Amino acid sequence: MKIQLAESLDNYFNISNGIETARVNDCFTQSATVHDEGGTYQGLAAIESWLQETRKKYQFNSKPISIAKNGHQEIVVAEVSGNFTGSPIQLKYVFVLNDGKIQSLEIS
């Protein structure tokens, strides 16, 4: 059963999976911040670069399997498979939206 995601979250997972139907500015705010693997990426250019490098490095696919809301946060658990030890794994994506776009994302 496919879970229902907000449009910006659906766009994010499409982009991260290499589906070019959306662009980074379709889902992130201008001042958005991403925290992943100990790094922080702020602004659309930095986020786009991070996405490209991460796809190149891990050649991964993320499949959302659950979503929960906690105040302003939308928490998605996804099964991630790719070119890394232990694949597949489950990762938690904590999104904060602003006017329907991603203001912050923390992946753990």
PDB file of N, CA and C in Angstrom:
ATOM      1  N   MET A   1       0.837  -1.176   0.000  1.00  0.00           N
ATOM      2  CA  MET A   1       0.000   0.000   0.000  1.00  0.00           C
ATOM      3  C   MET A   1       0.886   1.244   0.000  1.00  0.00           C
ATOM      4  N   LYS A   2       0.653   2.128  -0.937  1.00  0.00           N
ATOM      5  CA  LYS A   2       1.438   3.361  -1.031  1.00  0.00           C
ATOM      6  C   LYS A   2       0.920   4.369  -0.006  1.00  0.00           C
ATOM      7  N   ILE A   3       1.858   4.997   0.710  1.00  0.00           N
ATOM      8  CA  ILE A   3       1.450   6.000   1.686  1.00  0.00           C
ATOM      9  C   ILE A   3       1.275   7.345   0.984  1.00  0.00           C
ATOM     10  N   GLN A   4       0.423   8.192   1.560  1.00  0.00           N
ATOM     11  CA  GLN A   4       0.157   9.514   1.003  1.00  0.00           C
ATOM     12  C   GLN A   4       1.139  10.522   1.583  1.00  0.00           C
ATOM     13  N   LEU A   5       1.916  11.149   0.722  1.00  0.00           N
ATOM     14  CA  LEU A   5       2.876  12.163   1.134  1.00  0.00           C
ATOM     15  C   LEU A   5       2.429  13.523   0.622  1.00  0.00           C
ATOM     16  N   ALA A   6       2.802  14.568   1.342  1.00  0.00           N
ATOM     17  CA  ALA A   6       2.610  15.922   0.834  1.00  0.00           C
ATOM     18  C   ALA A   6       3.350  16.035  -0.499  1.00  0.00           C
ATOM     19  N   GLU A   7       2.884  16.915  -1.378  1.00  0.00           N
ATOM     20  CA  GLU A   7       3.472  17.031  -2.716  1.00  0.00           C
ATOM     21  C   GLU A   7       4.975  17.288  -2.667  1.00  0.00           C
ATOM     22  N   SER A   8       5.422  18.168  -1.774  1.00  0.00           N
ATOM     23  CA  SER A   8       6.859  18.470  -1.711  1.00  0.00           C
ATOM     24  C   SER A   8       7.664  17.255  -1.259  1.00  0.00           C
ATOM     25  N   LEU A   9       7.099  16.431  -0.377  1.00  0.00           N
ATOM     26  CA  LEU A   9       7.800  15.222   0.066  1.00  0.00           C
ATOM     27  C   LEU A   9       7.847  14.197  -1.061  1.00  0.00           C
ATOM     28  N   ASP A  10       6.744  14.054  -1.772  1.00  0.00           N
ATOM     29  CA  ASP A  10       6.713  13.145  -2.917  1.00  0.00           C
ATOM     30  C   ASP A  10       7.740  13.590  -3.961  1.00  0.00           C
ATOM     31  N   ASN A  11       7.795  14.900  -4.228  1.00  0.00           N
ATOM     32  CA  ASN A  11       8.796  15.431  -5.160  1.00  0.00           C
ATOM     33  C   ASN A  11      10.207  15.135  -4.672  1.00  0.00           C
ATOM     34  N   TYR A  12      10.454  15.311  -3.367  1.00  0.00           N
ATOM     35  CA  TYR A  12      11.786  15.041  -2.813  1.00  0.00           C
ATOM     36  C   TYR A  12      12.198  13.589  -3.077  1.00  0.00           C
ATOM     37  N   PHE A  13      11.322  12.637  -2.763  1.00  0.00           N
ATOM     38  CA  PHE A  13      11.685  11.231  -2.961  1.00  0.00           C
ATOM     39  C   PHE A  13      11.856  10.907  -4.447  1.00  0.00           C
ATOM     40  N   ASN A  14      11.069  11.537  -5.323  1.00  0.00           N
ATOM     41  CA  ASN A  14      11.275  11.343  -6.762  1.00  0.00           C
ATOM     42  C   ASN A  14      12.653  11.837  -7.187  1.00  0.00           C
ATOM     43  N   ILE A  15      13.027  13.038  -6.733  1.00  0.00           N
ATOM     44  CA  ILE A  15      14.347  13.588  -7.076  1.00  0.00           C
ATOM     45  C   ILE A  15      15.447  12.701  -6.509  1.00  0.00           C
ATOM     46  N   SER A  16      15.313  12.327  -5.241  1.00  0.00           N
ATOM     47  CA  SER A  16      16.380  11.541  -4.611  1.00  0.00           C
ATOM     48  C   SER A  16      16.526  10.167  -5.255  1.00  0.00           C
ATOM     49  N   ASN A  17      15.457   9.667  -5.861  1.00  0.00           N
ATOM     50  CA  ASN A  17      15.513   8.376  -6.543  1.00  0.00           C
ATOM     51  C   ASN A  17      15.908   8.509  -8.012  1.00  0.00           C
ATOM     52  N   GLY A  18      16.261   9.723  -8.435  1.00  0.00           N
ATOM     53  CA  GLY A  18      16.727   9.924  -9.799  1.00  0.00           C
ATOM     54  C   GLY A  18      15.633  10.145 -10.816  1.00  0.00           C
ATOM     55  N   ILE A  19      14.400  10.330 -10.353  1.00  0.00           N
ATOM     56  CA  ILE A  19      13.288  10.613 -11.262  1.00  0.00           C
ATOM     57  C   ILE A  19      13.249  12.122 -11.471  1.00  0.00           C
ATOM     58  N   GLU A  20      13.427  12.553 -12.690  1.00  0.00           N
ATOM     59  CA  GLU A  20      13.592  13.979 -12.974  1.00  0.00           C
ATOM     60  C   GLU A  20      12.272  14.702 -13.241  1.00  0.00           C
ATOM     61  N   THR A  21      11.197  14.325 -12.576  1.00  0.00           N
ATOM     62  CA  THR A  21       9.917  14.987 -12.797  1.00  0.00           C
ATOM     63  C   THR A  21       9.782  16.272 -11.990  1.00  0.00           C
ATOM     64  N   ALA A  22      10.679  16.491 -11.054  1.00  0.00           N
ATOM     65  CA  ALA A  22      10.620  17.690 -10.216  1.00  0.00           C
ATOM     66  C   ALA A  22      12.029  18.238 -10.049  1.00  0.00           C
ATOM     67  N   ARG A  23      12.095  19.502  -9.655  1.00  0.00           N
ATOM     68  CA  ARG A  23      13.384  20.132  -9.387  1.00  0.00           C
ATOM     69  C   ARG A  23      13.471  20.442  -7.901  1.00  0.00           C
ATOM     70  N   VAL A  24      14.691  20.710  -7.446  1.00  0.00           N
ATOM     71  CA  VAL A  24      14.917  20.990  -6.026  1.00  0.00           C
ATOM     72  C   VAL A  24      14.051  22.157  -5.564  1.00  0.00           C
ATOM     73  N   ASN A  25      13.935  23.207  -6.381  1.00  0.00           N
ATOM     74  CA  ASN A  25      13.130  24.351  -5.945  1.00  0.00           C
ATOM     75  C   ASN A  25      11.634  24.074  -5.983  1.00  0.00           C
ATOM     76  N   ASP A  26      11.227  22.924  -6.524  1.00  0.00           N
ATOM     77  CA  ASP A  26       9.822  22.519  -6.449  1.00  0.00           C
ATOM     78  C   ASP A  26       9.460  22.007  -5.063  1.00  0.00           C
ATOM     79  N   CYS A  27      10.452  21.580  -4.293  1.00  0.00           N
ATOM     80  CA  CYS A  27      10.123  20.996  -2.990  1.00  0.00           C
ATOM     81  C   CYS A  27      10.794  21.677  -1.807  1.00  0.00           C
ATOM     82  N   PHE A  28      11.887  22.417  -2.007  1.00  0.00           N
ATOM     83  CA  PHE A  28      12.578  23.086  -0.903  1.00  0.00           C
ATOM     84  C   PHE A  28      12.378  24.596  -0.972  1.00  0.00           C
ATOM     85  N   THR A  29      12.345  25.257   0.202  1.00  0.00           N
ATOM     86  CA  THR A  29      12.343  26.715   0.252  1.00  0.00           C
ATOM     87  C   THR A  29      13.732  27.231  -0.118  1.00  0.00           C
ATOM     88  N   GLN A  30      13.831  28.514  -0.417  1.00  0.00           N
ATOM     89  CA  GLN A  30      15.120  29.128  -0.771  1.00  0.00           C
ATOM     90  C   GLN A  30      16.157  28.966   0.336  1.00  0.00           C
ATOM     91  N   SER A  31      15.711  29.029   1.601  1.00  0.00           N
ATOM     92  CA  SER A  31      16.640  28.993   2.743  1.00  0.00           C
ATOM     93  C   SER A  31      16.668  27.637   3.443  1.00  0.00           C
ATOM     94  N   ALA A  32      16.196  26.605   2.773  1.00  0.00           N
ATOM     95  CA  ALA A  32      16.099  25.272   3.387  1.00  0.00           C
ATOM     96  C   ALA A  32      17.457  24.761   3.857  1.00  0.00           C
ATOM     97  N   THR A  33      17.391  23.873   4.857  1.00  0.00           N
ATOM     98  CA  THR A  33      18.582  23.246   5.418  1.00  0.00           C
ATOM     99  C   THR A  33      18.389  21.737   5.453  1.00  0.00           C
ATOM    100  N   VAL A  34      19.450  20.993   5.089  1.00  0.00           N
ATOM    101  CA  VAL A  34      19.449  19.536   5.169  1.00  0.00           C
ATOM    102  C   VAL A  34      20.605  19.111   6.061  1.00  0.00           C
ATOM    103  N   HIS A  35      20.313  18.180   6.981  1.00  0.00           N
ATOM    104  CA  HIS A  35      21.339  17.577   7.838  1.00  0.00           C
ATOM    105  C   HIS A  35      21.398  16.093   7.487  1.00  0.00           C
ATOM    106  N   ASP A  36      22.572  15.627   7.041  1.00  0.00           N
ATOM    107  CA  ASP A  36      22.733  14.231   6.640  1.00  0.00           C
ATOM    108  C   ASP A  36      24.192  13.824   6.812  1.00  0.00           C
ATOM    109  N   GLU A  37      24.422  12.665   7.406  1.00  0.00           N
ATOM    110  CA  GLU A  37      25.766  12.090   7.576  1.00  0.00           C
ATOM    111  C   GLU A  37      26.759  13.090   8.173  1.00  0.00           C
ATOM    112  N   GLY A  38      26.302  13.863   9.157  1.00  0.00           N
ATOM    113  CA  GLY A  38      27.175  14.807   9.841  1.00  0.00           C
ATOM    114  C   GLY A  38      27.392  16.116   9.109  1.00  0.00           C
ATOM    115  N   GLY A  39      26.816  16.269   7.935  1.00  0.00           N
ATOM    116  CA  GLY A  39      26.965  17.508   7.169  1.00  0.00           C
ATOM    117  C   GLY A  39      25.700  18.336   7.195  1.00  0.00           C
ATOM    118  N   THR A  40      25.861  19.635   6.979  1.00  0.00           N
ATOM    119  CA  THR A  40      24.737  20.556   6.885  1.00  0.00           C
ATOM    120  C   THR A  40      24.823  21.266   5.545  1.00  0.00           C
ATOM    121  N   TYR A  41      23.697  21.313   4.841  1.00  0.00           N
ATOM    122  CA  TYR A  41      23.630  21.897   3.505  1.00  0.00           C
ATOM    123  C   TYR A  41      22.504  22.920   3.516  1.00  0.00           C
ATOM    124  N   GLN A  42      22.835  24.187   3.231  1.00  0.00           N
ATOM    125  CA  GLN A  42      21.832  25.245   3.307  1.00  0.00           C
ATOM    126  C   GLN A  42      21.720  25.957   1.971  1.00  0.00           C
ATOM    127  N   GLY A  43      20.479  26.172   1.561  1.00  0.00           N
ATOM    128  CA  GLY A  43      20.195  26.847   0.298  1.00  0.00           C
ATOM    129  C   GLY A  43      20.045  25.850  -0.837  1.00  0.00           C
ATOM    130  N   LEU A  44      19.353  26.293  -1.879  1.00  0.00           N
ATOM    131  CA  LEU A  44      19.015  25.390  -2.985  1.00  0.00           C
ATOM    132  C   LEU A  44      20.236  24.838  -3.710  1.00  0.00           C
ATOM    133  N   ALA A  45      21.240  25.665  -3.954  1.00  0.00           N
ATOM    134  CA  ALA A  45      22.430  25.193  -4.681  1.00  0.00           C
ATOM    135  C   ALA A  45      23.166  24.121  -3.886  1.00  0.00           C
ATOM    136  N   ALA A  46      23.331  24.341  -2.583  1.00  0.00           N
ATOM    137  CA  ALA A  46      24.025  23.358  -1.736  1.00  0.00           C
ATOM    138  C   ALA A  46      23.234  22.061  -1.652  1.00  0.00           C
ATOM    139  N   ILE A  47      21.914  22.167  -1.559  1.00  0.00           N
ATOM    140  CA  ILE A  47      21.069  20.971  -1.463  1.00  0.00           C
ATOM    141  C   ILE A  47      21.097  20.196  -2.776  1.00  0.00           C
ATOM    142  N   GLU A  48      21.037  20.900  -3.889  1.00  0.00           N
ATOM    143  CA  GLU A  48      21.095  20.213  -5.182  1.00  0.00           C
ATOM    144  C   GLU A  48      22.430  19.488  -5.356  1.00  0.00           C
ATOM    145  N   SER A  49      23.517  20.127  -4.969  1.00  0.00           N
ATOM    146  CA  SER A  49      24.840  19.504  -5.048  1.00  0.00           C
ATOM    147  C   SER A  49      24.920  18.278  -4.145  1.00  0.00           C
ATOM    148  N   TRP A  50      24.403  18.395  -2.918  1.00  0.00           N
ATOM    149  CA  TRP A  50      24.384  17.269  -1.974  1.00  0.00           C
ATOM    150  C   TRP A  50      23.603  16.094  -2.563  1.00  0.00           C
ATOM    151  N   LEU A  51      22.433  16.366  -3.132  1.00  0.00           N
ATOM    152  CA  LEU A  51      21.627  15.292  -3.725  1.00  0.00           C
ATOM    153  C   LEU A  51      22.383  14.592  -4.853  1.00  0.00           C
ATOM    154  N   GLN A  52      23.009  15.363  -5.726  1.00  0.00           N
ATOM    155  CA  GLN A  52      23.741  14.771  -6.850  1.00  0.00           C
ATOM    156  C   GLN A  52      24.908  13.916  -6.366  1.00  0.00           C
ATOM    157  N   GLU A  53      25.668  14.432  -5.413  1.00  0.00           N
ATOM    158  CA  GLU A  53      26.822  13.686  -4.891  1.00  0.00           C
ATOM    159  C   GLU A  53      26.388  12.418  -4.158  1.00  0.00           C
ATOM    160  N   THR A  54      25.308  12.515  -3.386  1.00  0.00           N
ATOM    161  CA  THR A  54      24.815  11.359  -2.637  1.00  0.00           C
ATOM    162  C   THR A  54      24.315  10.275  -3.585  1.00  0.00           C
ATOM    163  N   ARG A  55      23.583  10.672  -4.636  1.00  0.00           N
ATOM    164  CA  ARG A  55      23.111   9.693  -5.635  1.00  0.00           C
ATOM    165  C   ARG A  55      24.295   9.020  -6.315  1.00  0.00           C
ATOM    166  N   LYS A  56      25.294   9.814  -6.677  1.00  0.00           N
ATOM    167  CA  LYS A  56      26.472   9.274  -7.359  1.00  0.00           C
ATOM    168  C   LYS A  56      27.222   8.291  -6.459  1.00  0.00           C
ATOM    169  N   LYS A  57      27.365   8.640  -5.189  1.00  0.00           N
ATOM    170  CA  LYS A  57      28.131   7.828  -4.241  1.00  0.00           C
ATOM    171  C   LYS A  57      27.428   6.514  -3.906  1.00  0.00           C
ATOM    172  N   TYR A  58      26.123   6.564  -3.637  1.00  0.00           N
ATOM    173  CA  TYR A  58      25.411   5.389  -3.121  1.00  0.00           C
ATOM    174  C   TYR A  58      24.495   4.701  -4.129  1.00  0.00           C
ATOM    175  N   GLN A  59      24.153   5.362  -5.231  1.00  0.00           N
ATOM    176  CA  GLN A  59      23.247   4.785  -6.231  1.00  0.00           C
ATOM    177  C   GLN A  59      22.048   4.130  -5.549  1.00  0.00           C
ATOM    178  N   PHE A  60      21.346   4.905  -4.756  1.00  0.00           N
ATOM    179  CA  PHE A  60      20.313   4.372  -3.873  1.00  0.00           C
ATOM    180  C   PHE A  60      18.901   4.586  -4.395  1.00  0.00           C
ATOM    181  N   ASN A  61      17.985   3.869  -3.763  1.00  0.00           N
ATOM    182  CA  ASN A  61      16.557   4.038  -3.987  1.00  0.00           C
ATOM    183  C   ASN A  61      15.879   4.052  -2.625  1.00  0.00           C
ATOM    184  N   SER A  62      15.035   5.053  -2.405  1.00  0.00           N
ATOM    185  CA  SER A  62      14.311   5.181  -1.133  1.00  0.00           C
ATOM    186  C   SER A  62      12.836   4.918  -1.363  1.00  0.00           C
ATOM    187  N   LYS A  63      12.273   4.034  -0.548  1.00  0.00           N
ATOM    188  CA  LYS A  63      10.849   3.725  -0.648  1.00  0.00           C
ATOM    189  C   LYS A  63      10.195   4.046   0.690  1.00  0.00           C
ATOM    190  N   PRO A  64       9.411   5.139   0.757  1.00  0.00           N
ATOM    191  CA  PRO A  64       8.726   5.468   2.014  1.00  0.00           C
ATOM    192  C   PRO A  64       7.800   4.330   2.437  1.00  0.00           C
ATOM    193  N   ILE A  65       7.888   3.961   3.725  1.00  0.00           N
ATOM    194  CA  ILE A  65       7.043   2.874   4.222  1.00  0.00           C
ATOM    195  C   ILE A  65       6.093   3.325   5.321  1.00  0.00           C
ATOM    196  N   SER A  66       6.369   4.492   5.937  1.00  0.00           N
ATOM    197  CA  SER A  66       5.426   5.013   6.936  1.00  0.00           C
ATOM    198  C   SER A  66       5.621   6.512   7.077  1.00  0.00           C
ATOM    199  N   ILE A  67       4.563   7.164   7.553  1.00  0.00           N
ATOM    200  CA  ILE A  67       4.629   8.600   7.826  1.00  0.00           C
ATOM    201  C   ILE A  67       3.860   8.875   9.107  1.00  0.00           C
ATOM    202  N   ALA A  68       4.389   9.800   9.901  1.00  0.00           N
ATOM    203  CA  ALA A  68       3.730  10.232  11.135  1.00  0.00           C
ATOM    204  C   ALA A  68       3.941  11.728  11.266  1.00  0.00           C
ATOM    205  N   LYS A  69       3.028  12.383  11.968  1.00  0.00           N
ATOM    206  CA  LYS A  69       3.159  13.815  12.217  1.00  0.00           C
ATOM    207  C   LYS A  69       3.384  14.034  13.697  1.00  0.00           C
ATOM    208  N   ASN A  70       4.280  14.989  13.990  1.00  0.00           N
ATOM    209  CA  ASN A  70       4.578  15.364  15.370  1.00  0.00           C
ATOM    210  C   ASN A  70       4.705  16.881  15.388  1.00  0.00           C
ATOM    211  N   GLY A  71       3.603  17.559  15.695  1.00  0.00           N
ATOM    212  CA  GLY A  71       3.606  19.013  15.638  1.00  0.00           C
ATOM    213  C   GLY A  71       3.837  19.479  14.218  1.00  0.00           C
ATOM    214  N   HIS A  72       4.892  20.263  13.997  1.00  0.00           N
ATOM    215  CA  HIS A  72       5.216  20.780  12.667  1.00  0.00           C
ATOM    216  C   HIS A  72       6.062  19.805  11.854  1.00  0.00           C
ATOM    217  N   GLN A  73       6.414  18.681  12.438  1.00  0.00           N
ATOM    218  CA  GLN A  73       7.278  17.720  11.749  1.00  0.00           C
ATOM    219  C   GLN A  73       6.459  16.643  11.043  1.00  0.00           C
ATOM    220  N   GLU A  74       6.940  16.258   9.872  1.00  0.00           N
ATOM    221  CA  GLU A  74       6.424  15.078   9.178  1.00  0.00           C
ATOM    222  C   GLU A  74       7.579  14.090   9.142  1.00  0.00           C
ATOM    223  N   ILE A  75       7.373  12.936   9.756  1.00  0.00           N
ATOM    224  CA  ILE A  75       8.440  11.954   9.923  1.00  0.00           C
ATOM    225  C   ILE A  75       8.152  10.762   9.018  1.00  0.00           C
ATOM    226  N   VAL A  76       9.047  10.548   8.067  1.00  0.00           N
ATOM    227  CA  VAL A  76       8.896   9.457   7.107  1.00  0.00           C
ATOM    228  C   VAL A  76       9.991   8.432   7.373  1.00  0.00           C
ATOM    229  N   VAL A  77       9.596   7.172   7.459  1.00  0.00           N
ATOM    230  CA  VAL A  77      10.564   6.079   7.511  1.00  0.00           C
ATOM    231  C   VAL A  77      10.575   5.465   6.116  1.00  0.00           C
ATOM    232  N   ALA A  78      11.780   5.292   5.579  1.00  0.00           N
ATOM    233  CA  ALA A  78      11.917   4.739   4.232  1.00  0.00           C
ATOM    234  C   ALA A  78      12.913   3.593   4.236  1.00  0.00           C
ATOM    235  N   GLU A  79      12.632   2.614   3.391  1.00  0.00           N
ATOM    236  CA  GLU A  79      13.600   1.546   3.159  1.00  0.00           C
ATOM    237  C   GLU A  79      14.521   2.023   2.042  1.00  0.00           C
ATOM    238  N   VAL A  80      15.816   2.043   2.339  1.00  0.00           N
ATOM    239  CA  VAL A  80      16.803   2.568   1.396  1.00  0.00           C
ATOM    240  C   VAL A  80      17.742   1.438   0.992  1.00  0.00           C
ATOM    241  N   SER A  81      17.821   1.202  -0.309  1.00  0.00           N
ATOM    242  CA  SER A  81      18.738   0.185  -0.828  1.00  0.00           C
ATOM    243  C   SER A  81      19.679   0.861  -1.813  1.00  0.00           C
ATOM    244  N   GLY A  82      20.893   0.349  -1.870  1.00  0.00           N
ATOM    245  CA  GLY A  82      21.859   0.947  -2.782  1.00  0.00           C
ATOM    246  C   GLY A  82      23.230   0.334  -2.634  1.00  0.00           C
ATOM    247  N   ASN A  83      24.227   1.090  -3.056  1.00  0.00           N
ATOM    248  CA  ASN A  83      25.610   0.640  -3.085  1.00  0.00           C
ATOM    249  C   ASN A  83      26.308   1.009  -1.772  1.00  0.00           C
ATOM    250  N   PHE A  84      25.913   0.348  -0.677  1.00  0.00           N
ATOM    251  CA  PHE A  84      26.524   0.596   0.626  1.00  0.00           C
ATOM    252  C   PHE A  84      26.358  -0.635   1.502  1.00  0.00           C
ATOM    253  N   THR A  85      27.245  -0.773   2.478  1.00  0.00           N
ATOM    254  CA  THR A  85      27.233  -1.909   3.394  1.00  0.00           C
ATOM    255  C   THR A  85      25.934  -1.929   4.186  1.00  0.00           C
ATOM    256  N   GLY A  86      25.330  -3.109   4.304  1.00  0.00           N
ATOM    257  CA  GLY A  86      24.115  -3.274   5.089  1.00  0.00           C
ATOM    258  C   GLY A  86      22.834  -3.036   4.321  1.00  0.00           C
ATOM    259  N   SER A  87      22.939  -2.718   3.046  1.00  0.00           N
ATOM    260  CA  SER A  87      21.759  -2.441   2.231  1.00  0.00           C
ATOM    261  C   SER A  87      20.870  -3.674   2.148  1.00  0.00           C
ATOM    262  N   PRO A  88      19.555  -3.514   2.294  1.00  0.00           N
ATOM    263  CA  PRO A  88      18.820  -2.276   2.542  1.00  0.00           C
ATOM    264  C   PRO A  88      18.755  -1.944   4.036  1.00  0.00           C
ATOM    265  N   ILE A  89      18.536  -0.655   4.310  1.00  0.00           N
ATOM    266  CA  ILE A  89      18.370  -0.180   5.685  1.00  0.00           C
ATOM    267  C   ILE A  89      17.125   0.692   5.752  1.00  0.00           C
ATOM    268  N   GLN A  90      16.692   0.972   6.963  1.00  0.00           N
ATOM    269  CA  GLN A  90      15.608   1.926   7.163  1.00  0.00           C
ATOM    270  C   GLN A  90      16.197   3.217   7.700  1.00  0.00           C
ATOM    271  N   LEU A  91      15.822   4.327   7.072  1.00  0.00           N
ATOM    272  CA  LEU A  91      16.244   5.644   7.518  1.00  0.00           C
ATOM    273  C   LEU A  91      15.025   6.473   7.889  1.00  0.00           C
ATOM    274  N   LYS A  92      15.241   7.388   8.833  1.00  0.00           N
ATOM    275  CA  LYS A  92      14.179   8.302   9.261  1.00  0.00           C
ATOM    276  C   LYS A  92      14.458   9.672   8.655  1.00  0.00           C
ATOM    277  N   TYR A  93      13.458  10.228   8.003  1.00  0.00           N
ATOM    278  CA  TYR A  93      13.520  11.549   7.389  1.00  0.00           C
ATOM    279  C   TYR A  93      12.566  12.454   8.167  1.00  0.00           C
ATOM    280  N   VAL A  94      13.107  13.461   8.839  1.00  0.00           N
ATOM    281  CA  VAL A  94      12.281  14.394   9.607  1.00  0.00           C
ATOM    282  C   VAL A  94      12.204  15.695   8.814  1.00  0.00           C
ATOM    283  N   PHE A  95      11.010  15.981   8.303  1.00  0.00           N
ATOM    284  CA  PHE A  95      10.766  17.164   7.482  1.00  0.00           C
ATOM    285  C   PHE A  95      10.015  18.215   8.294  1.00  0.00           C
ATOM    286  N   VAL A  96      10.355  19.482   8.083  1.00  0.00           N
ATOM    287  CA  VAL A  96       9.554  20.604   8.559  1.00  0.00           C
ATOM    288  C   VAL A  96       9.192  21.402   7.314  1.00  0.00           C
ATOM    289  N   LEU A  97       7.885  21.625   7.127  1.00  0.00           N
ATOM    290  CA  LEU A  97       7.407  22.327   5.942  1.00  0.00           C
ATOM    291  C   LEU A  97       7.085  23.781   6.269  1.00  0.00           C
ATOM    292  N   ASN A  98       7.206  24.627   5.245  1.00  0.00           N
ATOM    293  CA  ASN A  98       6.840  26.034   5.345  1.00  0.00           C
ATOM    294  C   ASN A  98       6.125  26.391   4.050  1.00  0.00           C
ATOM    295  N   ASP A  99       4.848  26.747   4.138  1.00  0.00           N
ATOM    296  CA  ASP A  99       4.037  27.047   2.952  1.00  0.00           C
ATOM    297  C   ASP A  99       4.098  25.926   1.923  1.00  0.00           C
ATOM    298  N   GLY A 100       4.056  24.686   2.397  1.00  0.00           N
ATOM    299  CA  GLY A 100       4.003  23.532   1.516  1.00  0.00           C
ATOM    300  C   GLY A 100       5.340  23.051   0.983  1.00  0.00           C
ATOM    301  N   LYS A 101       6.427  23.766   1.312  1.00  0.00           N
ATOM    302  CA  LYS A 101       7.754  23.346   0.860  1.00  0.00           C
ATOM    303  C   LYS A 101       8.610  22.954   2.057  1.00  0.00           C
ATOM    304  N   ILE A 102       9.655  22.179   1.789  1.00  0.00           N
ATOM    305  CA  ILE A 102      10.540  21.697   2.847  1.00  0.00           C
ATOM    306  C   ILE A 102      11.438  22.838   3.318  1.00  0.00           C
ATOM    307  N   GLN A 103      11.335  23.166   4.610  1.00  0.00           N
ATOM    308  CA  GLN A 103      12.201  24.170   5.225  1.00  0.00           C
ATOM    309  C   GLN A 103      13.435  23.507   5.825  1.00  0.00           C
ATOM    310  N   SER A 104      13.222  22.305   6.397  1.00  0.00           N
ATOM    311  CA  SER A 104      14.368  21.567   6.934  1.00  0.00           C
ATOM    312  C   SER A 104      14.128  20.074   6.793  1.00  0.00           C
ATOM    313  N   LEU A 105      15.235  19.356   6.683  1.00  0.00           N
ATOM    314  CA  LEU A 105      15.217  17.901   6.570  1.00  0.00           C
ATOM    315  C   LEU A 105      16.398  17.369   7.347  1.00  0.00           C
ATOM    316  N   GLU A 106      16.112  16.415   8.222  1.00  0.00           N
ATOM    317  CA  GLU A 106      17.178  15.717   8.940  1.00  0.00           C
ATOM    318  C   GLU A 106      17.028  14.232   8.667  1.00  0.00           C
ATOM    319  N   ILE A 107      18.107  13.600   8.205  1.00  0.00           N
ATOM    320  CA  ILE A 107      18.089  12.181   7.864  1.00  0.00           C
ATOM    321  C   ILE A 107      18.953  11.435   8.862  1.00  0.00           C
ATOM    322  N   SER A 108      18.372  10.388   9.459  1.00  0.00           N
ATOM    323  CA  SER A 108      19.138   9.583  10.419  1.00  0.00           C
ATOM    324  C   SER A 108      18.734   8.123  10.314  1.00  0.00           C
TER     325      SER A 108
END
